[in-house]
All heavy atoms as atom14 arrays in JSON, in Angstrom:
{
  "sequence": "INPFIALARELIARGHGATLLTNPYFEPTIRAAGVGFEPLGEAM",
  "atom14_mask": [
    [1, 1, 1, 1, 1, 1, 1, 1, 0, 0, 0, 0, 0, 0],
    [1, 1, 1, 1, 1, 1, 1, 1, 0, 0, 0, 0, 0, 0],
    [1, 1, 1, 1, 1, 1, 1, 0, 0, 0, 0, 0, 0, 0],
    [1, 1, 1, 1, 1, 1, 1, 1, 1, 1, 1, 0, 0, 0],
    [1, 1, 1, 1, 1, 1, 1, 1, 0, 0, 0, 0, 0, 0],
    [1, 1, 1, 1, 1, 0, 0, 0, 0, 0, 0, 0, 0, 0],
    [1, 1, 1, 1, 1, 1, 1, 1, 0, 0, 0, 0, 0, 0],
    [1, 1, 1, 1, 1, 0, 0, 0, 0, 0, 0, 0, 0, 0],
    [1, 1, 1, 1, 1, 1, 1, 1, 1, 1, 1, 0, 0, 0],
    [1, 1, 1, 1, 1, 1, 1, 1, 1, 0, 0, 0, 0, 0],
    [1, 1, 1, 1, 1, 1, 1, 1, 0, 0, 0, 0, 0, 0],
    [1, 1, 1, 1, 1, 1, 1, 1, 0, 0, 0, 0, 0, 0],
    [1, 1, 1, 1, 1, 0, 0, 0, 0, 0, 0, 0, 0, 0],
    [1, 1, 1, 1, 1, 1, 1, 1, 1, 1, 1, 0, 0, 0],
    [1, 1, 1, 1, 0, 0, 0, 0, 0, 0, 0, 0, 0, 0],
    [1, 1, 1, 1, 1, 1, 1, 1, 1, 1, 0, 0, 0, 0],
    [1, 1, 1, 1, 0, 0, 0, 0, 0, 0, 0, 0, 0, 0],
    [1, 1, 1, 1, 1, 0, 0, 0, 0, 0, 0, 0, 0, 0],
    [1, 1, 1, 1, 1, 1, 1, 0, 0, 0, 0, 0, 0, 0],
    [1, 1, 1, 1, 1, 1, 1, 1, 0, 0, 0, 0, 0, 0],
    [1, 1, 1, 1, 1, 1, 1, 1, 0, 0, 0, 0, 0, 0],
    [1, 1, 1, 1, 1, 1, 1, 0, 0, 0, 0, 0, 0, 0],
    [1, 1, 1, 1, 1, 1, 1, 1, 0, 0, 0, 0, 0, 0],
    [1, 1, 1, 1, 1, 1, 1, 0, 0, 0, 0, 0, 0, 0],
    [1, 1, 1, 1, 1, 1, 1, 1, 1, 1, 1, 1, 0, 0],
    [1, 1, 1, 1, 1, 1, 1, 1, 1, 1, 1, 0, 0, 0],
    [1, 1, 1, 1, 1, 1, 1, 1, 1, 0, 0, 0, 0, 0],
    [1, 1, 1, 1, 1, 1, 1, 0, 0, 0, 0, 0, 0, 0],
    [1, 1, 1, 1, 1, 1, 1, 0, 0, 0, 0, 0, 0, 0],
    [1, 1, 1, 1, 1, 1, 1, 1, 0, 0, 0, 0, 0, 0],
    [1, 1, 1, 1, 1, 1, 1, 1, 1, 1, 1, 0, 0, 0],
    [1, 1, 1, 1, 1, 0, 0, 0, 0, 0, 0, 0, 0, 0],
    [1, 1, 1, 1, 1, 0, 0, 0, 0, 0, 0, 0, 0, 0],
    [1, 1, 1, 1, 0, 0, 0, 0, 0, 0, 0, 0, 0, 0],
    [1, 1, 1, 1, 1, 1, 1, 0, 0, 0, 0, 0, 0, 0],
    [1, 1, 1, 1, 0, 0, 0, 0, 0, 0, 0, 0, 0, 0],
    [1, 1, 1, 1, 1, 1, 1, 1, 1, 1, 1, 0, 0, 0],
    [1, 1, 1, 1, 1, 1, 1, 1, 1, 0, 0, 0, 0, 0],
    [1, 1, 1, 1, 1, 1, 1, 0, 0, 0, 0, 0, 0, 0],
    [1, 1, 1, 1, 1, 1, 1, 1, 0, 0, 0, 0, 0, 0],
    [1, 1, 1, 1, 0, 0, 0, 0, 0, 0, 0, 0, 0, 0],
    [1, 1, 1, 1, 1, 1, 1, 1, 1, 0, 0, 0, 0, 0],
    [1, 1, 1, 1, 1, 0, 0, 0, 0, 0, 0, 0, 0, 0],
    [1, 1, 1, 1, 1, 1, 1, 1, 0, 0, 0, 0, 0, 0]
  ],
  "atom14_positions": [
    [[2.24, -1.8, -1.25], [1.16, -1.83, -2.22], [1.08, -3.18, -2.94], [-0.01, -3.73, -3.15], [1.33, -0.71, -3.25], [1.5, 0.65, -2.55], [0.15, -0.68, -4.22], [0.36, 1.02, -1.62], [0.0, 0.0, 0.0], [0.0, 0.0, 0.0], [0.0, 0.0, 0.0], [0.0, 0.0, 0.0], [0.0, 0.0, 0.0], [0.0, 0.0, 0.0]],
    [[2.23, -3.74, -3.33], [2.21, -5.0, -4.1], [1.47, -6.13, -3.42], [0.78, -6.92, -4.1], [3.65, -5.42, -4.44], [4.25, -4.59, -5.55], [3.54, -3.89, -6.27], [5.56, -4.66, -5.72], [0.0, 0.0, 0.0], [0.0, 0.0, 0.0], [0.0, 0.0, 0.0], [0.0, 0.0, 0.0], [0.0, 0.0, 0.0], [0.0, 0.0, 0.0]],
    [[1.57, -6.3, -2.08], [0.8, -7.37, -1.45], [-0.7, -7.24, -1.66], [-1.41, -8.25, -1.81], [1.16, -7.25, 0.03], [2.53, -6.63, 0.02], [2.5, -5.66, -1.11], [0.0, 0.0, 0.0], [0.0, 0.0, 0.0], [0.0, 0.0, 0.0], [0.0, 0.0, 0.0], [0.0, 0.0, 0.0], [0.0, 0.0, 0.0], [0.0, 0.0, 0.0]],
    [[-1.2, -6.01, -1.71], [-2.62, -5.8, -1.9], [-3.03, -6.03, -3.35], [-4.15, -6.45, -3.62], [-3.01, -4.41, -1.4], [-2.95, -4.29, 0.1], [-1.75, -4.03, 0.74], [-4.07, -4.5, 0.87], [-1.68, -3.96, 2.12], [-4.02, -4.43, 2.25], [-2.81, -4.17, 2.89], [0.0, 0.0, 0.0], [0.0, 0.0, 0.0], [0.0, 0.0, 0.0]],
    [[-2.12, -5.75, -4.28], [-2.39, -6.13, -5.68], [-2.49, -7.64, -5.79], [-3.39, -8.17, -6.47], [-1.28, -5.58, -6.6], [-1.24, -4.05, -6.57], [-1.49, -6.08, -8.02], [-0.12, -3.45, -7.39], [0.0, 0.0, 0.0], [0.0, 0.0, 0.0], [0.0, 0.0, 0.0], [0.0, 0.0, 0.0], [0.0, 0.0, 0.0], [0.0, 0.0, 0.0]],
    [[-1.59, -8.36, -5.12], [-1.63, -9.82, -5.15], [-2.94, -10.35, -4.57], [-3.56, -11.27, -5.12], [-0.44, -10.4, -4.4], [0.0, 0.0, 0.0], [0.0, 0.0, 0.0], [0.0, 0.0, 0.0], [0.0, 0.0, 0.0], [0.0, 0.0, 0.0], [0.0, 0.0, 0.0], [0.0, 0.0, 0.0], [0.0, 0.0, 0.0], [0.0, 0.0, 0.0]],
    [[-3.39, -9.79, -3.45], [-4.64, -10.21, -2.84], [-5.82, -9.92, -3.76], [-6.73, -10.75, -3.93], [-4.83, -9.5, -1.5], [-3.93, -9.96, -0.36], [-3.99, -8.96, 0.8], [-4.34, -11.36, 0.13], [0.0, 0.0, 0.0], [0.0, 0.0, 0.0], [0.0, 0.0, 0.0], [0.0, 0.0, 0.0], [0.0, 0.0, 0.0], [0.0, 0.0, 0.0]],
    [[-5.81, -8.72, -4.38], [-6.89, -8.35, -5.29], [-6.94, -9.29, -6.49], [-8.04, -9.69, -6.93], [-6.71, -6.91, -5.75], [0.0, 0.0, 0.0], [0.0, 0.0, 0.0], [0.0, 0.0, 0.0], [0.0, 0.0, 0.0], [0.0, 0.0, 0.0], [0.0, 0.0, 0.0], [0.0, 0.0, 0.0], [0.0, 0.0, 0.0], [0.0, 0.0, 0.0]],
    [[-5.79, -9.66, -7.02], [-5.78, -10.57, -8.16], [-6.34, -11.94, -7.79], [-7.06, -12.56, -8.59], [-4.35, -10.71, -8.68], [-3.8, -9.46, -9.33], [-2.39, -9.67, -9.84], [-2.4, -10.62, -10.96], [-1.3, -11.17, -11.46], [-0.12, -10.89, -10.94], [-1.38, -12.02, -12.47], [0.0, 0.0, 0.0], [0.0, 0.0, 0.0], [0.0, 0.0, 0.0]],
    [[-6.06, -12.43, -6.59], [-6.61, -13.71, -6.16], [-8.12, -13.6, -5.99], [-8.87, -14.53, -6.37], [-5.97, -14.13, -4.84], [-6.53, -15.41, -4.23], [-6.21, -16.67, -5.01], [-5.35, -16.62, -5.91], [-6.84, -17.72, -4.72], [0.0, 0.0, 0.0], [0.0, 0.0, 0.0], [0.0, 0.0, 0.0], [0.0, 0.0, 0.0], [0.0, 0.0, 0.0]],
    [[-8.59, -12.5, -5.44], [-10.03, -12.29, -5.29], [-10.72, -12.3, -6.66], [-11.75, -12.95, -6.86], [-10.3, -10.97, -4.59], [-10.04, -10.95, -3.08], [-9.88, -9.52, -2.57], [-11.19, -11.64, -2.33], [0.0, 0.0, 0.0], [0.0, 0.0, 0.0], [0.0, 0.0, 0.0], [0.0, 0.0, 0.0], [0.0, 0.0, 0.0], [0.0, 0.0, 0.0]],
    [[-10.13, -11.6, -7.62], [-10.71, -11.53, -8.97], [-10.69, -12.9, -9.63], [-11.66, -13.3, -10.3], [-9.95, -10.48, -9.8], [-10.23, -9.07, -9.26], [-10.34, -10.57, -11.29], [-9.31, -7.99, -9.8], [0.0, 0.0, 0.0], [0.0, 0.0, 0.0], [0.0, 0.0, 0.0], [0.0, 0.0, 0.0], [0.0, 0.0, 0.0], [0.0, 0.0, 0.0]],
    [[-9.6, -13.65, -9.42], [-9.52, -15.01, -10.0], [-10.62, -15.91, -9.47], [-11.03, -16.86, -10.15], [-8.14, -15.6, -9.71], [0.0, 0.0, 0.0], [0.0, 0.0, 0.0], [0.0, 0.0, 0.0], [0.0, 0.0, 0.0], [0.0, 0.0, 0.0], [0.0, 0.0, 0.0], [0.0, 0.0, 0.0], [0.0, 0.0, 0.0], [0.0, 0.0, 0.0]],
    [[-11.11, -15.63, -8.26], [-12.18, -16.43, -7.67], [-13.57, -15.9, -8.02], [-14.57, -16.39, -7.5], [-12.01, -16.51, -6.16], [-10.74, -17.19, -5.7], [-10.79, -17.46, -4.21], [-9.52, -17.98, -3.71], [-9.37, -18.52, -2.5], [-10.41, -18.62, -1.68], [-8.18, -18.95, -2.1], [0.0, 0.0, 0.0], [0.0, 0.0, 0.0], [0.0, 0.0, 0.0]],
    [[-13.63, -14.87, -8.85], [-14.91, -14.34, -9.28], [-15.45, -13.2, -8.44], [-16.6, -12.79, -8.62], [0.0, 0.0, 0.0], [0.0, 0.0, 0.0], [0.0, 0.0, 0.0], [0.0, 0.0, 0.0], [0.0, 0.0, 0.0], [0.0, 0.0, 0.0], [0.0, 0.0, 0.0], [0.0, 0.0, 0.0], [0.0, 0.0, 0.0], [0.0, 0.0, 0.0]],
    [[-14.64, -12.67, -7.52], [-15.08, -11.56, -6.68], [-14.68, -10.22, -7.32], [-13.81, -10.16, -8.19], [-14.46, -11.66, -5.29], [-14.73, -12.95, -4.59], [-16.0, -13.4, -4.34], [-13.89, -13.91, -4.11], [-15.95, -14.57, -3.72], [-14.67, -14.9, -3.56], [0.0, 0.0, 0.0], [0.0, 0.0, 0.0], [0.0, 0.0, 0.0], [0.0, 0.0, 0.0]],
    [[-15.28, -9.15, -6.84], [-14.87, -7.81, -7.24], [-13.82, -7.29, -6.27], [-13.93, -7.49, -5.06], [0.0, 0.0, 0.0], [0.0, 0.0, 0.0], [0.0, 0.0, 0.0], [0.0, 0.0, 0.0], [0.0, 0.0, 0.0], [0.0, 0.0, 0.0], [0.0, 0.0, 0.0], [0.0, 0.0, 0.0], [0.0, 0.0, 0.0], [0.0, 0.0, 0.0]],
    [[-12.78, -6.64, -6.79], [-11.72, -6.12, -5.94], [-11.24, -4.78, -6.47], [-10.91, -4.66, -7.65], [-10.54, -7.1, -5.88], [0.0, 0.0, 0.0], [0.0, 0.0, 0.0], [0.0, 0.0, 0.0], [0.0, 0.0, 0.0], [0.0, 0.0, 0.0], [0.0, 0.0, 0.0], [0.0, 0.0, 0.0], [0.0, 0.0, 0.0], [0.0, 0.0, 0.0]],
    [[-11.21, -3.8, -5.6], [-10.75, -2.45, -5.93], [-9.74, -2.02, -4.89], [-9.9, -2.29, -3.7], [-11.94, -1.46, -5.95], [-12.88, -1.89, -6.93], [-11.46, -0.06, -6.28], [0.0, 0.0, 0.0], [0.0, 0.0, 0.0], [0.0, 0.0, 0.0], [0.0, 0.0, 0.0], [0.0, 0.0, 0.0], [0.0, 0.0, 0.0], [0.0, 0.0, 0.0]],
    [[-8.67, -1.35, -5.34], [-7.62, -0.89, -4.44], [-7.63, 0.63, -4.38], [-7.48, 1.31, -5.4], [-6.26, -1.41, -4.92], [-5.01, -1.06, -4.11], [-5.2, -1.37, -2.63], [-3.8, -1.81, -4.66], [0.0, 0.0, 0.0], [0.0, 0.0, 0.0], [0.0, 0.0, 0.0], [0.0, 0.0, 0.0], [0.0, 0.0, 0.0], [0.0, 0.0, 0.0]],
    [[-7.81, 1.16, -3.19], [-7.79, 2.6, -2.91], [-6.42, 2.97, -2.41], [-6.01, 2.55, -1.32], [-8.87, 2.93, -1.87], [-8.87, 4.34, -1.27], [-9.24, 5.38, -2.31], [-9.81, 4.42, -0.07], [0.0, 0.0, 0.0], [0.0, 0.0, 0.0], [0.0, 0.0, 0.0], [0.0, 0.0, 0.0], [0.0, 0.0, 0.0], [0.0, 0.0, 0.0]],
    [[-5.67, 3.75, -3.19], [-4.3, 4.07, -2.78], [-3.76, 5.26, -3.56], [-4.46, 5.89, -4.37], [-3.4, 2.83, -2.95], [-2.17, 3.05, -2.27], [-3.14, 2.52, -4.41], [0.0, 0.0, 0.0], [0.0, 0.0, 0.0], [0.0, 0.0, 0.0], [0.0, 0.0, 0.0], [0.0, 0.0, 0.0], [0.0, 0.0, 0.0], [0.0, 0.0, 0.0]],
    [[-2.51, 5.55, -3.33], [-1.76, 6.62, -3.97], [-1.83, 6.5, -5.5], [-1.46, 5.46, -6.05], [-0.31, 6.51, -3.48], [0.63, 7.53, -4.07], [0.28, 8.35, -4.93], [1.87, 7.5, -3.62], [0.0, 0.0, 0.0], [0.0, 0.0, 0.0], [0.0, 0.0, 0.0], [0.0, 0.0, 0.0], [0.0, 0.0, 0.0], [0.0, 0.0, 0.0]],
    [[-2.27, 7.54, -6.22], [-2.37, 7.45, -7.69], [-1.04, 7.17, -8.39], [-1.05, 6.79, -9.56], [-2.91, 8.84, -8.08], [-3.63, 9.33, -6.88], [-2.85, 8.79, -5.7], [0.0, 0.0, 0.0], [0.0, 0.0, 0.0], [0.0, 0.0, 0.0], [0.0, 0.0, 0.0], [0.0, 0.0, 0.0], [0.0, 0.0, 0.0], [0.0, 0.0, 0.0]],
    [[0.07, 7.33, -7.71], [1.36, 6.97, -8.29], [1.36, 5.53, -8.77], [2.01, 5.19, -9.78], [2.45, 7.19, -7.23], [3.84, 6.72, -7.63], [4.7, 7.55, -8.33], [4.29, 5.45, -7.27], [5.98, 7.13, -8.69], [5.56, 5.02, -7.62], [6.4, 5.86, -8.32], [7.66, 5.42, -8.67], [0.0, 0.0, 0.0], [0.0, 0.0, 0.0]],
    [[0.62, 4.67, -8.09], [0.62, 3.24, -8.41], [-0.51, 2.86, -9.37], [-0.66, 1.67, -9.68], [0.49, 2.42, -7.12], [1.67, 2.56, -6.2], [1.61, 3.4, -5.1], [2.84, 1.87, -6.44], [2.7, 3.54, -4.25], [3.94, 2.0, -5.61], [3.87, 2.84, -4.51], [0.0, 0.0, 0.0], [0.0, 0.0, 0.0], [0.0, 0.0, 0.0]],
    [[-1.27, 3.82, -9.84], [-2.41, 3.49, -10.71], [-2.0, 2.68, -11.94], [-2.68, 1.67, -12.26], [-3.14, 4.76, -11.15], [-4.32, 4.48, -12.05], [-5.1, 5.71, -12.46], [-4.7, 6.83, -12.04], [-6.09, 5.58, -13.19], [0.0, 0.0, 0.0], [0.0, 0.0, 0.0], [0.0, 0.0, 0.0], [0.0, 0.0, 0.0], [0.0, 0.0, 0.0]],
    [[-0.95, 3.04, -12.69], [-0.62, 2.25, -13.88], [-0.34, 0.78, -13.56], [-0.79, -0.12, -14.29], [0.63, 2.95, -14.45], [0.54, 4.35, -13.93], [-0.07, 4.23, -12.58], [0.0, 0.0, 0.0], [0.0, 0.0, 0.0], [0.0, 0.0, 0.0], [0.0, 0.0, 0.0], [0.0, 0.0, 0.0], [0.0, 0.0, 0.0], [0.0, 0.0, 0.0]],
    [[0.38, 0.54, -12.47], [0.7, -0.84, -12.1], [-0.54, -1.6, -11.65], [-0.72, -2.78, -11.99], [1.76, -0.85, -10.98], [2.96, -0.27, -11.48], [2.05, -2.26, -10.48], [0.0, 0.0, 0.0], [0.0, 0.0, 0.0], [0.0, 0.0, 0.0], [0.0, 0.0, 0.0], [0.0, 0.0, 0.0], [0.0, 0.0, 0.0], [0.0, 0.0, 0.0]],
    [[-1.42, -0.94, -10.92], [-2.65, -1.59, -10.44], [-3.56, -1.94, -11.61], [-4.07, -3.06, -11.72], [-3.36, -0.68, -9.42], [-2.51, -0.53, -8.16], [-4.75, -1.22, -9.08], [-2.96, 0.58, -7.23], [0.0, 0.0, 0.0], [0.0, 0.0, 0.0], [0.0, 0.0, 0.0], [0.0, 0.0, 0.0], [0.0, 0.0, 0.0], [0.0, 0.0, 0.0]],
    [[-3.75, -1.0, -12.51], [-4.63, -1.26, -13.65], [-4.02, -2.3, -14.59], [-4.75, -3.14, -15.16], [-4.9, 0.04, -14.4], [-5.77, 1.03, -13.61], [-6.36, 2.08, -14.5], [-7.13, 3.06, -13.77], [-8.4, 2.9, -13.37], [-9.02, 1.75, -13.62], [-9.02, 3.86, -12.71], [0.0, 0.0, 0.0], [0.0, 0.0, 0.0], [0.0, 0.0, 0.0]],
    [[-2.68, -2.29, -14.75], [-2.04, -3.3, -15.59], [-2.23, -4.71, -15.03], [-2.21, -5.69, -15.78], [-0.55, -2.99, -15.74], [0.0, 0.0, 0.0], [0.0, 0.0, 0.0], [0.0, 0.0, 0.0], [0.0, 0.0, 0.0], [0.0, 0.0, 0.0], [0.0, 0.0, 0.0], [0.0, 0.0, 0.0], [0.0, 0.0, 0.0], [0.0, 0.0, 0.0]],
    [[-2.43, -4.8, -13.71], [-2.67, -6.1, -13.07], [-4.13, -6.52, -13.17], [-4.49, -7.6, -12.66], [-2.24, -6.04, -11.61], [0.0, 0.0, 0.0], [0.0, 0.0, 0.0], [0.0, 0.0, 0.0], [0.0, 0.0, 0.0], [0.0, 0.0, 0.0], [0.0, 0.0, 0.0], [0.0, 0.0, 0.0], [0.0, 0.0, 0.0], [0.0, 0.0, 0.0]],
    [[-4.98, -5.69, -13.78], [-6.39, -6.03, -13.93], [-7.22, -5.78, -12.7], [-8.29, -6.35, -12.54], [0.0, 0.0, 0.0], [0.0, 0.0, 0.0], [0.0, 0.0, 0.0], [0.0, 0.0, 0.0], [0.0, 0.0, 0.0], [0.0, 0.0, 0.0], [0.0, 0.0, 0.0], [0.0, 0.0, 0.0], [0.0, 0.0, 0.0], [0.0, 0.0, 0.0]],
    [[-6.73, -4.88, -11.82], [-7.39, -4.59, -10.55], [-8.06, -3.22, -10.63], [-7.51, -2.28, -11.19], [-6.36, -4.62, -9.39], [-7.01, -4.21, -8.07], [-5.76, -6.02, -9.27], [0.0, 0.0, 0.0], [0.0, 0.0, 0.0], [0.0, 0.0, 0.0], [0.0, 0.0, 0.0], [0.0, 0.0, 0.0], [0.0, 0.0, 0.0], [0.0, 0.0, 0.0]],
    [[-9.26, -3.11, -10.05], [-9.93, -1.83, -9.99], [-9.16, -0.83, -9.13], [-8.5, -1.21, -8.15], [0.0, 0.0, 0.0], [0.0, 0.0, 0.0], [0.0, 0.0, 0.0], [0.0, 0.0, 0.0], [0.0, 0.0, 0.0], [0.0, 0.0, 0.0], [0.0, 0.0, 0.0], [0.0, 0.0, 0.0], [0.0, 0.0, 0.0], [0.0, 0.0, 0.0]],
    [[-9.25, 0.45, -9.49], [-8.45, 1.46, -8.8], [-9.33, 2.63, -8.38], [-10.2, 3.08, -9.13], [-7.34, 1.97, -9.71], [-6.6, 3.16, -9.16], [-5.67, 3.01, -8.15], [-6.88, 4.45, -9.62], [-5.01, 4.11, -7.61], [-6.22, 5.55, -9.1], [-5.29, 5.38, -8.1], [0.0, 0.0, 0.0], [0.0, 0.0, 0.0], [0.0, 0.0, 0.0]],
    [[-9.06, 3.14, -7.17], [-9.65, 4.39, -6.68], [-8.52, 5.24, -6.13], [-7.69, 4.76, -5.36], [-10.68, 4.14, -5.6], [-12.0, 3.57, -6.09], [-12.85, 4.6, -6.8], [-12.52, 5.82, -6.74], [-13.86, 4.19, -7.41], [0.0, 0.0, 0.0], [0.0, 0.0, 0.0], [0.0, 0.0, 0.0], [0.0, 0.0, 0.0], [0.0, 0.0, 0.0]],
    [[-8.45, 6.54, -6.53], [-7.34, 7.39, -6.09], [-7.5, 7.85, -4.64], [-8.6, 8.15, -4.19], [-7.4, 8.57, -7.05], [-8.84, 8.65, -7.45], [-9.34, 7.22, -7.48], [0.0, 0.0, 0.0], [0.0, 0.0, 0.0], [0.0, 0.0, 0.0], [0.0, 0.0, 0.0], [0.0, 0.0, 0.0], [0.0, 0.0, 0.0], [0.0, 0.0, 0.0]],
    [[-6.37, 7.92, -3.95], [-6.31, 8.45, -2.58], [-5.34, 9.61, -2.57], [-4.12, 9.42, -2.64], [-5.86, 7.36, -1.61], [-5.71, 7.77, -0.15], [-7.06, 8.19, 0.43], [-5.13, 6.61, 0.68], [0.0, 0.0, 0.0], [0.0, 0.0, 0.0], [0.0, 0.0, 0.0], [0.0, 0.0, 0.0], [0.0, 0.0, 0.0], [0.0, 0.0, 0.0]],
    [[-5.84, 10.82, -2.54], [-4.99, 12.01, -2.55], [-4.32, 12.23, -3.89], [-4.73, 11.69, -4.93], [0.0, 0.0, 0.0], [0.0, 0.0, 0.0], [0.0, 0.0, 0.0], [0.0, 0.0, 0.0], [0.0, 0.0, 0.0], [0.0, 0.0, 0.0], [0.0, 0.0, 0.0], [0.0, 0.0, 0.0], [0.0, 0.0, 0.0], [0.0, 0.0, 0.0]],
    [[-3.26, 13.03, -3.86], [-2.49, 13.32, -5.06], [-1.35, 12.32, -5.22], [-0.89, 11.73, -4.24], [-1.91, 14.73, -4.99], [-2.98, 15.82, -4.92], [-2.37, 17.21, -4.87], [-1.11, 17.31, -4.84], [-3.13, 18.19, -4.87], [0.0, 0.0, 0.0], [0.0, 0.0, 0.0], [0.0, 0.0, 0.0], [0.0, 0.0, 0.0], [0.0, 0.0, 0.0]],
    [[-0.91, 12.12, -6.45], [0.17, 11.18, -6.71], [1.45, 11.64, -6.02], [1.88, 12.8, -6.16], [0.41, 11.05, -8.21], [0.0, 0.0, 0.0], [0.0, 0.0, 0.0], [0.0, 0.0, 0.0], [0.0, 0.0, 0.0], [0.0, 0.0, 0.0], [0.0, 0.0, 0.0], [0.0, 0.0, 0.0], [0.0, 0.0, 0.0], [0.0, 0.0, 0.0]],
    [[2.07, 10.73, -5.27], [3.33, 11.0, -4.58], [4.29, 9.86, -4.85], [3.98, 8.7, -4.55], [3.14, 11.15, -3.07], [2.34, 12.34, -2.64], [2.4, 12.54, -0.83], [1.64, 11.01, -0.29], [0.0, 0.0, 0.0], [0.0, 0.0, 0.0], [0.0, 0.0, 0.0], [0.0, 0.0, 0.0], [0.0, 0.0, 0.0], [0.0, 0.0, 0.0]]
  ]
}
């Protein structure tokens, strides 16, 4: 998951929109990084 957070942050830094669709377990970390989040299934 962390590599995709890093990619999303670079996209946002360049002025693009970036959202990460993944396990809700990682939602707090994704949102704390300033990245858009979409849940995939239940938190595991």
